[in-house]
Every structure is written in C-alpha cells, then in structure tokens.
Amino acid sequence: MSAYNILLLGSGGRECTLAWKLSQSKLCKELFIAPGNAGTAQYGSNLNISVTDFEEIKRVCLQDKIDILVPGPEDPLVAGIWDYFKNDPELQHIIVAGPSQAGAQLEGSKAFSKKFMQRHNIPTAAYMEFTEENFEEGINYLNNHSLPVVLKADGLAAGKGVVIAQSTDEAIETFTSMIKEARFGDASKKVVVEEFLDGIELSVFVLTDGNNYVRLPEAKDYKRIGEGDTGPNTGGMGAVSPVPFADEAFMQKITGRIIEPTVKGLKEENLTYQGFIFFGLIKVNGDPYVIEYNCRMGDPETEVVIPRLENDLVELIVLMHEGRLNEAKGQFKQEAACTVMLVSEGYPDGYAKGKVMSGFDLAKDSMLLHAGTANKEGQIVTNGGRVLAITSLGKNIQDALAQSYKNAEHIQYEGKYYRKDIGYEFN
C-alpha cells in the first residue's frame, strides 16, 4: 500500500483520538484536521473549515491532494458528504470513510432506524411515532402508556433529543413542547415514543465495507452530568473499555442478533455503507437490545476504543474501500482503557469559554485528548463544554481510572468539573 494524504473532519475528543491514531500509521503521508483543536495540532495541520462547508472541503481536497476523507461527527454524513464526493468527477477517487446519505439515516432519523430494525427482526424497544397530524392520538397513547416512557426527537439534536418521562404529565408536557413548540427545532417535528428498557447500557462499534465488518473494542460511557448517574444528559462524561459484563457469550448474541442482521439488512436494501456503525445497546435480562444506531464513532467512547485497537486504522480504511475487510480481524490490547472528561462549569447548559489551562506538563502516563480547546496567543484555553479527555491504560479498570484521576488533579482552569465515579459499577 502507498501512503495517503488524509483529511479528518471535526474538532472534539473523538477527532483528537482519531488524529493520534491516523498519524501513527506508516500509510499516513500528511494529516489535515478541519477545524481541529489545540490537541489535534500535535498530529497534523488544522484547517479553519466547517465540517458542513462542502465547497471549502472540496477546495482543500484538491489543493492538498487528499486521498482519504474521515468524517468524525454525524452532521456531514447526514447532510450527504459521501454523495457529494461520489457525484463530483474531481472528488470521486477519494476514499470517504462513512456511509451514503441514505445509509446515514440510521442515525439521522429515529423513525427510519426503528422501521429498519423491525424489517430485519433486530431486537429493540416497542414504539410508535407521531407528528402534528396525529398529535391527539399521541396524547391518548401517552395517557395509557406504562411508566417511565421514552420520547425521542426523530432528527439530529446533538445527543440531547431524548427525554425519559417519569410521569404521564411530564410525558405529555414534553411531547407537546417537542411537536407544538419545536423544542428541538425541525428535529422534533416527528417524535418517537418508546417503551422504557431497564438494564445496563454499552456501546459496540464495527467498521464495515458493506459486506464484511471488523469489530472494534466495546465501551461503556457515562452520559449524566452528576455522580451516581444524576442530572441532565451530556455528550458524555467518561468511558471504560472493555465492559466487564460483555463476556464472549453475550458478545456472540450481539453479533448474531444485531451486528450481522444490520450489515446484511443494509446490503439487502441497497444502502451504500462503508464506514463505522455505532450500536447503542442495552442488556435486559441477559439479552441485548438496540437503543439507537449512530453512523460514526462515539465520543467519549472513541477515547477508550481507539487506544485499545492495535490494528493500523488507515490500513483498515483502505481494506474497507476495497471490500476486503474479511481479510482483517480486530486486534485489541489486553489492558483496560478509561477516560475521564473535564468539562466547563455550567455544562451542559451555559458555560464560559477562554479560560486559560495549565498543568499539561505535570500529567504523566495518560493520553491528554483535547475536546473543547483552542490556542490563543500561545496559551491553551477552554473552547467548549467538554474540554479534555484524560485516557489511561491499566491492567484493569480500577488501575486505569486511578491514573486518569491522578492527572485530572494536575490540569487546572477556572470552573473545572469532572465526575469522580466513572466505572462505579465495576469497582
């Protein structure tokens, strides 16, 4: 294989981790990250471009002779960047590590993904979908639904479009605000109402070429802002890998009942899909169910999954493009990986940016994966709600976490907050 110029889209902890991994490959000639952050600048050249500015992305791809495009977040995929490249004679030679716009509906539309699961007998929660047109029917449905009940905005809502209502009043109030008051904008014009599944969650990832797939390490992330899984949902406060309860027998159930029917279903429906599939799963009474699909890697799960992956990621992407992933097998480090996310005060609601950060030189034996950071006049400053993912490897989850927490103390900025109970179920 020859070496490739690679453009990675995104600016979070996921992209910092992918940049770290891609830059290590002997097949990576030059790496560009758009827009990137203060951390990605260590691994390649940051370009100040929006992930959905396709024309500017095209200009850079031609200028810098890009061979591989890796979209980190879902927005460009759901907006059809794969189709944009494949329909342009100047760009169609470039490998795009992501699905077509039709394939990205697995994440882009909750209603689409639920119907897909039904068609292919993939285990998931029972559900109904409602819009303005059958609004009253939805109210009646909620009045008679068991509690708690889950309400999901159909479209993309930056991970915040899901409400678990504990009472009928809360369910009806949420439902009304989603549809009548556009609580999540266009994303909640359609609402999916689901039965609540009581169990323990985990995330499983594959890279597929449309026929074959390579499974990556699994992970468990922690979404709530407060310790003991309390308070509002966030983009993710930390993650661990491997997941202790995901033993071989359970992973075989996931493979047979969920991964293989999904890949086969995409092929049967002629949905072009060459990229990552993220399975958001829940274990209920020993069996796996799909909560949601995502059409990209997770964040902060990437920060523990990718450090455990021993394969050359560029090589896997090239094999994916050539339809040869059957020739590869996921190779994982035996060690556990744990990440602790440092966030800004006030997150996930309003928070200040521009706080000067220090202590990077004191942090040892951990990866400091930048999420919401920027370089300002030679200093690293906060530039987002989730600021820095601290990932450590250890012989078990407890050792890895202890190392991450030790380094969390060293990093300083005004308003620093992090959860001190990541991995609490496994201690």
Protein backbone atom coordinates (compact mmCIF):
# COMPACT_ATOMS: atom_id res chain seq x y z
CA MET A 1 0.00 0.00 0.00
CA SER A 2 1.21 3.51 -0.77
CA ALA A 3 0.98 6.42 1.70
CA TYR A 4 -2.08 8.67 1.76
CA ASN A 5 -2.94 12.29 2.45
CA ILE A 6 -5.84 12.27 4.92
CA LEU A 7 -8.41 14.91 5.86
CA LEU A 8 -10.22 14.33 9.17
CA LEU A 9 -13.38 16.38 9.85
CA GLY A 10 -14.27 17.50 13.38
CA SER A 11 -12.98 19.26 16.47
CA GLY A 12 -13.72 17.12 19.54
CA GLY A 13 -12.11 14.47 21.71
CA ARG A 14 -13.12 11.80 19.20
CA GLU A 15 -11.23 13.63 16.43
CA CYS A 16 -8.17 14.22 18.63
CA THR A 17 -8.04 10.45 19.29
CA LEU A 18 -8.52 9.60 15.61
CA ALA A 19 -5.82 12.12 14.65
CA TRP A 20 -3.43 10.49 17.15
CA LYS A 21 -4.17 7.05 15.69
CA LEU A 22 -4.14 8.00 11.99
CA SER A 23 -0.88 9.92 12.36
CA GLN A 24 0.87 6.80 13.73
CA SER A 25 0.17 4.82 10.55
CA LYS A 26 3.01 4.13 8.14
CA LEU A 27 0.35 4.70 5.44
CA CYS A 28 -0.32 8.29 6.56
CA LYS A 29 1.70 10.75 4.49
CA GLU A 30 0.11 14.01 5.65
CA LEU A 31 -2.80 14.57 8.03
CA PHE A 32 -5.11 17.60 7.97
CA ILE A 33 -7.88 18.23 10.53
CA ALA A 34 -10.80 20.58 9.87
CA PRO A 35 -11.32 22.52 12.06
CA GLY A 36 -9.43 20.58 14.77
CA ASN A 37 -8.45 21.91 18.22
CA ALA A 38 -5.34 22.66 20.28
CA GLY A 39 -4.65 18.93 20.65
CA THR A 40 -5.08 17.83 17.03
CA ALA A 41 -2.40 20.36 16.03
CA GLN A 42 0.18 17.93 17.54
CA TYR A 43 -0.70 15.31 14.93
CA GLY A 44 -1.33 17.26 11.74
CA SER A 45 -2.32 20.63 10.25
CA ASN A 46 -5.52 22.27 11.49
CA LEU A 47 -7.65 23.97 8.83
CA ASN A 48 -10.26 26.54 9.83
CA ILE A 49 -13.17 24.99 7.89
CA SER A 50 -16.68 23.99 8.99
CA VAL A 51 -17.44 20.26 8.73
CA THR A 52 -20.53 21.02 6.59
CA ASP A 53 -18.91 23.55 4.21
CA PHE A 54 -18.65 21.02 1.37
CA GLU A 55 -17.36 23.51 -1.20
CA GLU A 56 -14.49 24.60 1.01
CA ILE A 57 -13.75 20.94 1.87
CA LYS A 58 -13.60 20.23 -1.89
CA ARG A 59 -11.20 23.12 -2.45
CA VAL A 60 -8.84 21.81 0.25
CA CYS A 61 -9.07 18.22 -1.00
CA LEU A 62 -7.95 19.31 -4.47
CA GLN A 63 -5.32 21.73 -3.18
CA ASP A 64 -3.72 19.27 -0.73
CA LYS A 65 -4.23 16.17 -2.91
CA ILE A 66 -6.35 14.39 -0.29
CA ASP A 67 -6.74 10.61 -0.78
CA ILE A 68 -8.91 9.74 2.26
CA LEU A 69 -11.68 11.74 3.96
CA VAL A 70 -12.63 10.67 7.51
CA PRO A 71 -15.79 12.45 8.77
CA GLY A 72 -15.71 12.42 12.59
CA PRO A 73 -19.18 13.76 13.53
CA GLU A 74 -22.59 12.83 12.12
CA ASP A 75 -23.56 16.21 10.63
CA PRO A 76 -21.59 15.98 7.35
CA LEU A 77 -22.66 12.33 6.88
CA VAL A 78 -26.36 13.02 7.42
CA ALA A 79 -26.00 16.08 5.14
CA GLY A 80 -24.67 13.77 2.37
CA ILE A 81 -20.92 14.33 2.13
CA TRP A 82 -20.41 10.82 0.71
CA ASP A 83 -22.88 11.57 -2.10
CA TYR A 84 -21.29 15.00 -2.71
CA PHE A 85 -17.88 13.35 -3.25
CA LYS A 86 -19.11 10.42 -5.33
CA ASN A 87 -21.17 12.65 -7.64
CA ASP A 88 -18.25 15.02 -8.36
CA PRO A 89 -15.81 13.80 -11.07
CA GLU A 90 -12.96 15.73 -9.39
CA LEU A 91 -13.57 14.09 -5.99
CA GLN A 92 -14.94 10.63 -6.70
CA HIS A 93 -11.48 8.96 -6.46
CA ILE A 94 -11.23 9.99 -2.78
CA ILE A 95 -11.99 7.31 -0.17
CA VAL A 96 -14.78 8.51 2.15
CA ALA A 97 -14.86 6.58 5.45
CA GLY A 98 -18.58 6.94 6.02
CA PRO A 99 -21.98 5.92 4.67
CA SER A 100 -24.08 7.47 1.92
CA GLN A 101 -26.79 9.95 2.96
CA ALA A 102 -29.35 7.13 2.69
CA GLY A 103 -27.22 4.87 4.94
CA ALA A 104 -26.67 7.71 7.44
CA GLN A 105 -30.44 7.76 8.06
CA LEU A 106 -29.69 5.01 10.61
CA GLU A 107 -28.70 7.96 12.82
CA GLY A 108 -30.38 10.84 11.00
CA SER A 109 -33.91 9.54 11.57
CA LYS A 110 -35.03 7.62 14.67
CA ALA A 111 -38.20 6.58 12.84
CA PHE A 112 -36.18 5.21 9.89
CA SER A 113 -33.90 3.22 12.19
CA LYS A 114 -36.82 1.74 14.17
CA LYS A 115 -38.56 0.61 10.95
CA PHE A 116 -35.24 -0.82 9.69
CA MET A 117 -34.90 -2.85 12.91
CA GLN A 118 -38.46 -4.12 12.58
CA ARG A 119 -37.90 -5.18 8.96
CA HIS A 120 -34.79 -7.17 9.91
CA ASN A 121 -36.04 -8.59 13.24
CA ILE A 122 -33.37 -6.77 15.25
CA PRO A 123 -34.32 -6.61 18.95
CA THR A 124 -35.37 -3.12 20.08
CA ALA A 125 -37.98 -1.44 22.30
CA ALA A 126 -41.62 -1.31 21.13
CA TYR A 127 -42.51 2.13 19.78
CA MET A 128 -44.94 4.44 17.95
CA GLU A 129 -44.22 7.64 16.01
CA PHE A 130 -46.25 10.85 16.00
CA THR A 131 -46.34 14.23 14.23
CA GLU A 132 -48.56 17.33 14.32
CA GLU A 133 -51.08 15.39 12.19
CA ASN A 134 -51.76 12.64 14.73
CA PHE A 135 -50.93 14.74 17.80
CA GLU A 136 -54.18 13.87 19.68
CA GLU A 137 -53.60 10.17 19.03
CA GLY A 138 -50.16 10.64 20.64
CA ILE A 139 -51.72 12.26 23.73
CA ASN A 140 -54.10 9.29 24.09
CA TYR A 141 -51.22 6.86 23.60
CA LEU A 142 -49.19 8.56 26.36
CA ASN A 143 -52.20 8.64 28.72
CA ASN A 144 -52.34 4.85 28.50
CA HIS A 145 -48.59 4.10 28.36
CA SER A 146 -46.69 2.40 31.19
CA LEU A 147 -44.08 4.49 33.01
CA PRO A 148 -41.38 5.58 32.65
CA VAL A 149 -41.73 6.31 28.92
CA VAL A 150 -39.06 7.45 26.46
CA LEU A 151 -39.63 10.33 24.00
CA LYS A 152 -37.12 10.90 21.20
CA ALA A 153 -36.89 13.71 18.65
CA ASP A 154 -36.74 11.97 15.27
CA GLY A 155 -33.88 14.07 13.83
CA LEU A 156 -30.42 15.11 15.00
CA ALA A 157 -30.48 17.05 18.28
CA ALA A 158 -26.79 16.86 19.30
CA GLY A 159 -27.46 13.93 21.65
CA LYS A 160 -29.97 15.94 23.68
CA GLY A 161 -33.24 15.00 21.96
CA VAL A 162 -34.17 12.16 24.33
CA VAL A 163 -36.35 12.56 27.44
CA ILE A 164 -37.24 9.77 29.88
CA ALA A 165 -40.53 10.91 31.43
CA GLN A 166 -41.30 9.55 34.91
CA SER A 167 -44.96 10.69 34.95
CA THR A 168 -47.78 10.97 32.41
CA ASP A 169 -47.90 14.74 32.97
CA GLU A 170 -44.19 15.08 32.20
CA ALA A 171 -44.59 12.88 29.10
CA ILE A 172 -47.47 14.99 27.74
CA GLU A 173 -45.70 18.25 28.54
CA THR A 174 -42.51 17.03 26.78
CA PHE A 175 -44.45 15.67 23.80
CA THR A 176 -46.31 18.98 23.42
CA SER A 177 -43.12 21.06 23.68
CA MET A 178 -41.40 18.89 21.07
CA ILE A 179 -44.16 18.97 18.45
CA LYS A 180 -46.08 22.20 19.14
CA GLU A 181 -43.23 24.41 20.38
CA ALA A 182 -40.37 22.96 18.27
CA ARG A 183 -38.29 22.28 21.41
CA PHE A 184 -35.57 20.70 19.25
CA GLY A 185 -36.40 22.66 16.08
CA ASP A 186 -37.13 20.59 12.98
CA ALA A 187 -35.63 17.52 14.71
CA SER A 188 -38.79 17.15 16.84
CA LYS A 189 -41.42 17.65 14.14
CA LYS A 190 -41.71 13.88 14.43
CA VAL A 191 -41.46 12.20 17.85
CA VAL A 192 -40.77 8.52 18.54
CA VAL A 193 -42.39 7.22 21.77
CA GLU A 194 -40.69 4.07 23.10
CA GLU A 195 -41.13 1.63 25.93
CA PHE A 196 -38.51 2.09 28.63
CA LEU A 197 -36.00 -0.76 28.80
CA ASP A 198 -34.49 -1.31 32.24
CA GLY A 199 -30.95 -2.63 32.06
CA ILE A 200 -27.31 -1.66 31.68
CA GLU A 201 -26.02 0.07 28.56
CA LEU A 202 -22.94 -0.44 26.41
CA SER A 203 -21.64 0.67 23.03
CA VAL A 204 -20.36 -1.65 20.31
CA PHE A 205 -18.57 -0.50 17.14
CA VAL A 206 -17.79 -2.01 13.76
CA LEU A 207 -16.14 -0.82 10.58
CA THR A 208 -17.98 -2.27 7.58
CA ASP A 209 -17.32 -2.37 3.84
CA GLY A 210 -20.97 -3.17 3.11
CA ASN A 211 -20.45 -6.96 3.14
CA ASN A 212 -17.88 -7.70 5.82
CA TYR A 213 -17.03 -5.97 9.06
CA VAL A 214 -14.32 -5.71 11.70
CA ARG A 215 -15.48 -5.33 15.28
CA LEU A 216 -13.66 -2.77 17.42
CA PRO A 217 -13.39 -2.86 21.24
CA GLU A 218 -16.67 -2.25 23.10
CA ALA A 219 -17.14 0.52 25.65
CA LYS A 220 -19.49 1.90 28.29
CA ASP A 221 -19.95 5.64 28.60
CA TYR A 222 -21.46 7.85 31.31
CA LYS A 223 -23.89 10.43 29.98
CA ARG A 224 -25.26 12.21 33.06
CA ILE A 225 -23.53 15.27 34.46
CA GLY A 226 -23.81 14.21 38.11
CA GLU A 227 -22.32 11.37 40.11
CA GLY A 228 -24.50 8.30 40.53
CA ASP A 229 -25.91 8.99 37.04
CA THR A 230 -27.94 12.04 38.14
CA GLY A 231 -28.77 15.32 36.47
CA PRO A 232 -29.16 16.14 32.78
CA ASN A 233 -27.67 14.20 29.89
CA THR A 234 -24.42 15.43 28.37
CA GLY A 235 -22.34 14.39 25.38
CA GLY A 236 -20.55 12.01 27.78
CA MET A 237 -18.52 12.43 31.00
CA GLY A 238 -16.23 9.40 30.69
CA ALA A 239 -15.96 5.85 29.40
CA VAL A 240 -14.41 2.45 30.10
CA SER A 241 -13.30 -0.44 27.88
CA PRO A 242 -13.56 -3.43 27.97
CA VAL A 243 -17.02 -3.77 29.52
CA PRO A 244 -16.82 -6.46 32.26
CA PHE A 245 -20.33 -7.89 31.70
CA ALA A 246 -19.82 -8.19 27.91
CA ASP A 247 -18.33 -11.68 28.03
CA GLU A 248 -17.86 -13.89 25.00
CA ALA A 249 -21.34 -15.44 25.20
CA PHE A 250 -23.02 -12.01 25.38
CA MET A 251 -20.90 -10.66 22.50
CA GLN A 252 -21.94 -13.69 20.42
CA LYS A 253 -25.59 -12.74 21.00
CA ILE A 254 -24.81 -9.18 19.86
CA THR A 255 -23.01 -10.46 16.75
CA GLY A 256 -25.72 -12.95 15.75
CA ARG A 257 -28.83 -10.95 16.63
CA ILE A 258 -27.71 -7.38 15.93
CA ILE A 259 -24.43 -6.79 14.03
CA GLU A 260 -24.86 -9.37 11.27
CA PRO A 261 -28.57 -8.65 10.59
CA THR A 262 -27.73 -4.92 10.43
CA VAL A 263 -24.91 -5.29 7.89
CA LYS A 264 -26.99 -7.79 5.89
CA GLY A 265 -30.04 -5.50 6.06
CA LEU A 266 -28.11 -2.51 4.71
CA LYS A 267 -26.91 -4.63 1.79
CA GLU A 268 -30.39 -6.07 1.07
CA GLU A 269 -31.85 -2.56 0.98
CA ASN A 270 -29.06 -1.33 -1.33
CA LEU A 271 -27.93 1.26 1.21
CA THR A 272 -24.30 2.11 0.43
CA TYR A 273 -22.48 1.86 3.73
CA GLN A 274 -18.69 1.87 4.03
CA GLY A 275 -17.81 3.25 7.43
CA PHE A 276 -18.37 2.95 11.16
CA ILE A 277 -21.58 1.69 12.75
CA PHE A 278 -22.09 2.52 16.42
CA PHE A 279 -24.59 0.25 18.17
CA GLY A 280 -26.02 1.86 21.32
CA LEU A 281 -27.17 -1.25 23.23
CA ILE A 282 -28.80 -2.21 26.50
CA LYS A 283 -28.59 -5.55 28.28
CA VAL A 284 -32.00 -6.58 29.65
CA ASN A 285 -32.25 -9.94 31.49
CA GLY A 286 -29.16 -11.22 29.71
CA ASP A 287 -30.22 -10.20 26.20
CA PRO A 288 -29.04 -7.27 24.04
CA TYR A 289 -31.46 -4.70 22.55
CA VAL A 290 -30.65 -1.75 20.27
CA ILE A 291 -31.43 1.67 21.77
CA GLU A 292 -30.05 3.55 18.78
CA TYR A 293 -27.66 3.44 15.85
CA ASN A 294 -25.07 6.09 15.06
CA CYS A 295 -23.31 6.38 11.71
CA ARG A 296 -19.91 7.33 13.22
CA MET A 297 -17.74 6.63 16.25
CA GLY A 298 -18.94 7.74 19.69
CA ASP A 299 -17.50 10.43 21.91
CA PRO A 300 -16.10 9.81 24.58
CA GLU A 301 -16.09 6.10 23.67
CA THR A 302 -13.54 6.67 20.88
CA GLU A 303 -11.13 7.88 23.56
CA VAL A 304 -11.04 4.36 25.06
CA VAL A 305 -11.83 2.21 21.99
CA ILE A 306 -9.10 3.54 19.68
CA PRO A 307 -6.26 3.39 22.27
CA ARG A 308 -7.07 -0.34 22.71
CA LEU A 309 -7.14 -1.03 18.95
CA GLU A 310 -3.84 -2.48 17.77
CA ASN A 311 -4.69 -2.58 14.04
CA ASP A 312 -3.42 0.15 11.69
CA LEU A 313 -6.55 2.29 11.21
CA VAL A 314 -5.52 3.60 7.78
CA GLU A 315 -4.95 0.05 6.59
CA LEU A 316 -8.46 -0.93 7.80
CA ILE A 317 -9.98 2.07 5.95
CA VAL A 318 -8.19 1.07 2.71
CA LEU A 319 -9.37 -2.55 3.08
CA MET A 320 -12.90 -1.19 3.70
CA HIS A 321 -12.73 0.81 0.46
CA GLU A 322 -11.57 -2.27 -1.45
CA GLY A 323 -14.29 -4.50 0.05
CA ARG A 324 -11.64 -6.69 1.73
CA LEU A 325 -12.41 -6.34 5.44
CA ASN A 326 -12.89 -10.12 5.53
CA GLU A 327 -9.07 -10.24 5.40
CA ALA A 328 -8.74 -8.35 8.69
CA LYS A 329 -9.57 -9.09 12.31
CA GLY A 330 -9.78 -6.63 15.18
CA GLN A 331 -6.68 -6.89 17.41
CA PHE A 332 -7.17 -5.42 20.90
CA LYS A 333 -4.77 -4.58 23.71
CA GLN A 334 -5.39 -6.72 26.80
CA GLU A 335 -5.21 -3.66 29.04
CA ALA A 336 -8.26 -1.69 30.14
CA ALA A 337 -8.67 1.90 28.98
CA CYS A 338 -10.56 4.53 30.97
CA THR A 339 -11.28 8.15 30.14
CA VAL A 340 -12.38 10.97 32.46
CA MET A 341 -13.82 14.09 30.81
CA LEU A 342 -13.01 17.51 32.26
CA VAL A 343 -15.82 19.96 31.49
CA SER A 344 -16.60 23.66 31.86
CA GLU A 345 -18.59 24.98 34.81
CA GLY A 346 -22.30 25.17 33.88
CA TYR A 347 -22.13 22.46 31.19
CA PRO A 348 -24.40 21.06 29.66
CA ASP A 349 -26.20 24.42 29.88
CA GLY A 350 -24.46 27.79 29.54
CA TYR A 351 -20.71 27.95 30.18
CA ALA A 352 -17.85 30.41 29.67
CA LYS A 353 -15.04 29.87 27.15
CA GLY A 354 -11.49 31.23 27.03
CA LYS A 355 -10.32 30.03 30.47
CA VAL A 356 -6.53 29.57 30.49
CA MET A 357 -5.43 25.96 31.07
CA SER A 358 -2.25 24.74 32.76
CA GLY A 359 -0.63 21.61 34.19
CA PHE A 360 -0.21 19.66 30.95
CA ASP A 361 3.49 19.10 31.68
CA LEU A 362 2.66 17.57 35.10
CA ALA A 363 0.34 14.89 33.69
CA LYS A 364 2.25 11.64 33.15
CA ASP A 365 1.33 8.17 31.81
CA SER A 366 -2.03 9.28 30.38
CA MET A 367 -3.18 10.50 26.97
CA LEU A 368 -4.50 14.08 27.08
CA LEU A 369 -7.09 14.09 24.31
CA HIS A 370 -8.31 17.61 23.65
CA ALA A 371 -12.04 18.19 23.10
CA GLY A 372 -13.07 21.84 23.56
CA THR A 373 -9.71 23.63 23.50
CA ALA A 374 -8.06 26.33 21.39
CA ASN A 375 -4.66 28.00 21.06
CA LYS A 376 -4.82 31.68 21.95
CA GLU A 377 -1.67 33.77 21.91
CA GLY A 378 0.49 30.79 22.79
CA GLN A 379 -1.75 29.54 25.59
CA ILE A 380 -4.24 26.68 25.60
CA VAL A 381 -7.71 27.90 26.58
CA THR A 382 -11.11 26.25 27.04
CA ASN A 383 -13.33 26.44 23.97
CA GLY A 384 -16.28 24.16 24.70
CA GLY A 385 -18.41 22.39 27.27
CA ARG A 386 -16.35 19.21 27.26
CA VAL A 387 -12.75 20.37 27.46
CA LEU A 388 -10.29 17.49 27.85
CA ALA A 389 -10.50 13.68 27.91
CA ILE A 390 -7.85 12.05 30.09
CA THR A 391 -7.33 8.43 28.98
CA SER A 392 -5.15 5.89 30.76
CA LEU A 393 -4.36 2.23 30.17
CA GLY A 394 -4.01 -0.15 33.10
CA LYS A 395 -4.10 -3.85 33.93
CA ASN A 396 -7.74 -3.37 34.97
CA ILE A 397 -10.40 -0.63 35.03
CA GLN A 398 -9.52 0.43 38.59
CA ASP A 399 -5.81 0.96 37.77
CA ALA A 400 -6.58 2.87 34.58
CA LEU A 401 -9.11 5.09 36.36
CA ALA A 402 -6.74 5.83 39.24
CA GLN A 403 -4.18 7.10 36.73
CA SER A 404 -6.71 9.30 34.90
CA TYR A 405 -7.98 10.78 38.18
CA LYS A 406 -4.43 11.50 39.32
CA ASN A 407 -3.81 13.52 36.17
CA ALA A 408 -7.23 15.21 36.36
CA GLU A 409 -5.89 16.89 39.51
CA HIS A 410 -2.89 18.31 37.63
CA ILE A 411 -4.85 20.04 34.86
CA GLN A 412 -6.05 23.44 36.04
CA TYR A 413 -8.52 26.00 34.70
CA GLU A 414 -11.23 28.13 36.25
CA GLY A 415 -14.52 26.21 36.68
CA LYS A 416 -13.08 22.71 36.09
CA TYR A 417 -15.54 19.89 36.84
CA TYR A 418 -15.44 16.14 36.35
CA ARG A 419 -17.29 13.09 37.62
CA LYS A 420 -15.36 11.14 40.24
CA ASP A 421 -17.36 7.91 39.85
CA ILE A 422 -16.72 6.76 36.26
CA GLY A 423 -16.83 2.94 36.17
CA TYR A 424 -18.55 2.87 39.56
CA GLU A 425 -20.48 -0.37 38.82
CA PHE A 426 -17.20 -2.24 38.29
CA ASN A 427 -15.33 -1.23 41.46
